[in-house]
C-alpha cells in the first residue's frame, strides 16, 4: 500500500488548530534554566484511540520533575476540559511562575489565558509547528500510548479513564526516569518542594 500510495479514508483527529484572531504570547523558555518544581508547567492535548473513535487527553506537566499534575479527558475538542485540568493543578499545587503551551486555539483563547493571568502566571507559547519546544510533553504522550493505550483497546470512555488513571499513577509514583537519574517524578517534585520550604 505504501509503494502504491494507497491510504485508508477515515476521519482523523486534529487536536492542533490555531485561531487567527487570538493573541500569541512569546516563548519565555529560550535560554531559561529550569531546575525547581512549579517554576514552569506545560500543557498539551493528544488523542487517545479507542475501539470506536477516540477521546482527547489534556495533561498538565511540571517541567523540572516531569510530574503529571492534573489531566482531563473529553470527547469534544473544547477549551472547557483544558480549563478544568489547569484549575485542578492550581488548586492542588498552587500556581507556577510560567505556563508554557503551543498555539492551539484552546490555549490561546481568552478563557484560558485569562485564567492564567488571573493567578499571576506568565504565559509562554511555542513557535508554530515547533514540537521540540514542548518535548517533555511529547515524550509523555509517547510513553502513555506505547506503554498503556496501544496495549488496550478501550471500548468505553470510562475504560479509557480507568486505564489512564492507573498508568499515570504508575508514571508518577513508580516508573523511574533516566533524565531524573532513575528517580520518579513524585520523588523529584516533592523532595525539591521540601528543600525549598526548609530553605525559606
Protein backbone atom coordinates (compact mmCIF):
# COMPACT_ATOMS: atom_id res chain seq x y z
CA UNK A 1 0.00 0.00 0.00
CA UNK A 2 2.89 2.37 0.78
CA UNK A 3 4.50 1.75 -2.60
CA UNK A 4 1.25 2.35 -4.47
CA UNK A 5 0.28 5.38 -2.40
CA UNK A 6 -2.89 3.74 -1.09
CA UNK A 7 -4.21 5.06 2.25
CA UNK A 8 -7.34 4.46 4.27
CA UNK A 9 -10.00 7.15 4.12
CA UNK A 10 -11.38 7.98 7.56
CA UNK A 11 -11.78 10.93 9.87
CA UNK A 12 -8.55 11.69 11.69
CA UNK A 13 -8.29 13.64 14.95
CA UNK A 14 -6.90 17.14 14.59
CA UNK A 15 -6.00 18.48 18.05
CA UNK A 16 -3.80 21.32 16.70
CA UNK A 17 -5.79 24.25 15.33
CA UNK A 18 -4.64 27.87 15.60
CA UNK A 19 -7.21 30.66 15.85
CA UNK A 20 -6.13 33.66 13.72
CA UNK A 21 -7.82 36.22 15.99
CA UNK A 22 -6.25 35.04 19.25
CA UNK A 23 -3.19 36.72 20.75
CA UNK A 24 0.07 34.74 20.59
CA UNK A 25 2.48 35.13 23.51
CA UNK A 26 6.30 34.99 23.25
CA UNK A 27 8.37 31.93 24.10
CA UNK A 28 9.86 32.57 27.56
CA UNK A 29 11.75 29.29 27.85
CA UNK A 30 14.62 30.00 25.44
CA UNK A 31 17.89 30.19 27.42
CA UNK A 32 15.94 29.63 30.67
CA UNK A 33 17.37 27.17 33.21
CA UNK A 34 14.55 25.24 34.88
CA UNK A 35 15.65 23.30 37.99
CA UNK A 36 12.83 23.52 40.52
CA UNK A 37 9.20 22.37 40.79
CA UNK A 38 6.45 24.86 39.96
CA UNK A 39 8.83 27.11 38.05
CA UNK A 40 7.41 26.08 34.66
CA UNK A 41 4.36 23.99 33.84
CA UNK A 42 3.49 22.79 30.35
CA UNK A 43 0.22 21.61 28.81
CA UNK A 44 -0.78 19.89 25.61
CA UNK A 45 -3.58 17.87 24.04
CA UNK A 46 -3.38 14.49 22.34
CA UNK A 47 -5.91 11.98 21.08
CA UNK A 48 -6.48 8.57 22.65
CA UNK A 49 -7.67 5.92 20.16
CA UNK A 50 -10.45 3.55 21.23
CA UNK A 51 -12.17 0.56 19.65
CA UNK A 52 -14.51 3.04 18.01
CA UNK A 53 -13.40 6.63 17.61
CA UNK A 54 -11.19 8.46 20.05
CA UNK A 55 -11.17 10.85 23.00
CA UNK A 56 -8.90 13.79 23.78
CA UNK A 57 -6.47 13.98 26.70
CA UNK A 58 -5.15 17.24 28.19
CA UNK A 59 -2.31 16.95 30.72
CA UNK A 60 -0.50 19.49 32.90
CA UNK A 61 3.17 18.63 33.40
CA UNK A 62 5.73 20.09 35.80
CA UNK A 63 8.77 20.76 33.59
CA UNK A 64 11.54 20.17 36.17
CA UNK A 65 10.23 16.92 37.66
CA UNK A 66 8.20 15.59 34.66
CA UNK A 67 5.33 15.00 37.12
CA UNK A 68 1.79 14.97 35.71
CA UNK A 69 -0.02 17.41 38.00
CA UNK A 70 -3.53 17.04 36.54
CA UNK A 71 -5.29 15.69 33.47
CA UNK A 72 -8.73 15.54 31.87
CA UNK A 73 -10.44 13.51 29.16
CA UNK A 74 -13.05 14.84 26.73
CA UNK A 75 -14.92 13.51 23.72
CA UNK A 76 -15.02 17.01 22.23
CA UNK A 77 -12.14 19.36 21.47
CA UNK A 78 -13.28 22.37 23.50
CA UNK A 79 -11.50 24.68 25.93
CA UNK A 80 -13.54 23.51 28.93
CA UNK A 81 -11.62 20.34 29.76
CA UNK A 82 -8.29 22.18 29.47
CA UNK A 83 -9.51 24.79 31.94
CA UNK A 84 -10.62 22.03 34.32
CA UNK A 85 -7.18 20.42 34.19
CA UNK A 86 -5.36 23.71 34.88
CA UNK A 87 -7.72 24.67 37.69
CA UNK A 88 -7.28 21.26 39.31
CA UNK A 89 -3.48 21.59 39.15
CA UNK A 90 -3.53 25.10 40.65
CA UNK A 91 -5.92 24.05 43.40
CA UNK A 92 -3.69 21.13 44.42
CA UNK A 93 -0.25 22.70 43.99
CA UNK A 94 -0.61 26.48 43.75
CA UNK A 95 0.22 28.46 40.59
CA UNK A 96 3.53 28.12 38.72
CA UNK A 97 5.66 31.08 37.68
CA UNK A 98 5.41 30.31 33.94
CA UNK A 99 2.90 28.27 31.95
CA UNK A 100 4.00 27.01 28.51
CA UNK A 101 1.75 25.71 25.71
CA UNK A 102 1.65 25.56 21.94
CA UNK A 103 -0.54 27.86 19.84
CA UNK A 104 -3.68 25.68 19.73
CA UNK A 105 -6.89 27.70 19.92
CA UNK A 106 -7.79 26.13 23.28
CA UNK A 107 -4.65 27.61 24.85
CA UNK A 108 -4.80 31.00 23.11
CA UNK A 109 -8.47 31.56 23.99
CA UNK A 110 -9.41 34.42 26.30
CA UNK A 111 -10.86 31.95 28.81
CA UNK A 112 -7.58 30.04 29.09
CA UNK A 113 -5.15 32.97 29.08
CA UNK A 114 -7.49 34.88 31.40
CA UNK A 115 -7.34 32.08 33.96
CA UNK A 116 -3.54 32.18 33.91
CA UNK A 117 -3.25 35.95 34.19
CA UNK A 118 -5.84 35.93 37.00
CA UNK A 119 -3.39 33.81 39.01
CA UNK A 120 -0.41 35.99 38.12
CA UNK A 121 1.16 33.36 35.85
CA UNK A 122 3.44 34.39 32.99
CA UNK A 123 2.31 32.92 29.65
CA UNK A 124 4.77 31.30 27.25
CA UNK A 125 3.98 29.78 23.87
CA UNK A 126 5.99 27.63 21.49
CA UNK A 127 6.69 28.68 17.93
CA UNK A 128 4.21 27.45 15.30
CA UNK A 129 4.92 23.80 14.50
CA UNK A 130 7.89 23.61 16.89
CA UNK A 131 7.11 20.37 18.72
CA UNK A 132 10.64 20.32 20.17
CA UNK A 133 9.79 23.35 22.30
CA UNK A 134 7.40 21.17 24.31
CA UNK A 135 9.43 17.98 24.01
CA UNK A 136 8.80 16.74 27.56
CA UNK A 137 5.05 16.58 26.95
CA UNK A 138 5.67 14.87 23.60
CA UNK A 139 7.72 12.24 25.42
CA UNK A 140 4.88 11.81 27.90
CA UNK A 141 2.45 11.16 25.03
CA UNK A 142 4.80 8.53 23.60
CA UNK A 143 5.09 6.77 26.97
CA UNK A 144 1.33 6.81 27.55
CA UNK A 145 0.50 5.45 24.12
CA UNK A 146 3.18 2.76 23.82
CA UNK A 147 3.07 1.59 27.44
CA UNK A 148 -0.69 1.80 28.02
CA UNK A 149 -3.06 2.92 25.26
CA UNK A 150 -1.85 0.74 22.36
CA UNK A 151 -1.92 -2.32 24.64
CA UNK A 152 -5.61 -1.87 25.49
CA UNK A 153 -8.49 -1.38 23.09
CA UNK A 154 -10.77 0.76 25.27
CA UNK A 155 -14.42 0.15 24.49
CA UNK A 156 -15.81 3.00 26.61
CA UNK A 157 -14.68 6.41 27.83
CA UNK A 158 -14.90 5.05 31.37
CA UNK A 159 -12.47 2.25 30.50
CA UNK A 160 -10.10 4.79 28.95
CA UNK A 161 -10.29 6.94 32.07
CA UNK A 162 -9.59 4.00 34.36
CA UNK A 163 -6.65 2.82 32.24
CA UNK A 164 -5.07 6.28 32.07
CA UNK A 165 -5.63 6.88 35.77
CA UNK A 166 -3.85 3.61 36.57
CA UNK A 167 -0.98 4.33 34.21
CA UNK A 168 -0.42 7.94 35.29
CA UNK A 169 -0.31 6.87 38.93
CA UNK A 170 2.38 4.37 37.95
CA UNK A 171 4.15 7.03 35.84
CA UNK A 172 4.32 9.50 38.74
CA UNK A 173 4.96 7.14 41.64
CA UNK A 174 6.82 4.08 40.35
CA UNK A 175 8.29 4.48 36.86
CA UNK A 176 11.97 5.58 37.04
CA UNK A 177 13.14 8.24 34.58
CA UNK A 178 16.58 8.22 33.02
CA UNK A 179 16.55 12.03 32.80
CA UNK A 180 15.91 12.16 36.58
CA UNK A 181 18.85 9.85 37.45
CA UNK A 182 16.48 6.91 37.89
CA UNK A 183 14.18 8.73 40.30
CA UNK A 184 10.41 9.01 39.94
CA UNK A 185 8.64 12.30 39.13
CA UNK A 186 6.90 12.22 42.53
CA UNK A 187 10.20 11.96 44.40
CA UNK A 188 11.88 14.77 42.44
CA UNK A 189 8.83 17.00 42.75
CA UNK A 190 8.11 16.59 46.45
CA UNK A 191 11.75 16.35 47.63
CA UNK A 192 12.58 19.64 45.97
CA UNK A 193 9.43 21.27 47.36
CA UNK A 194 10.56 20.20 50.85
CA UNK A 195 14.04 21.63 50.25
CA UNK A 196 12.65 24.97 49.11
CA UNK A 197 10.30 25.26 52.10
CA UNK A 198 13.12 24.41 54.54
CA UNK A 199 15.43 26.97 52.94
CA UNK A 200 12.75 29.64 53.13
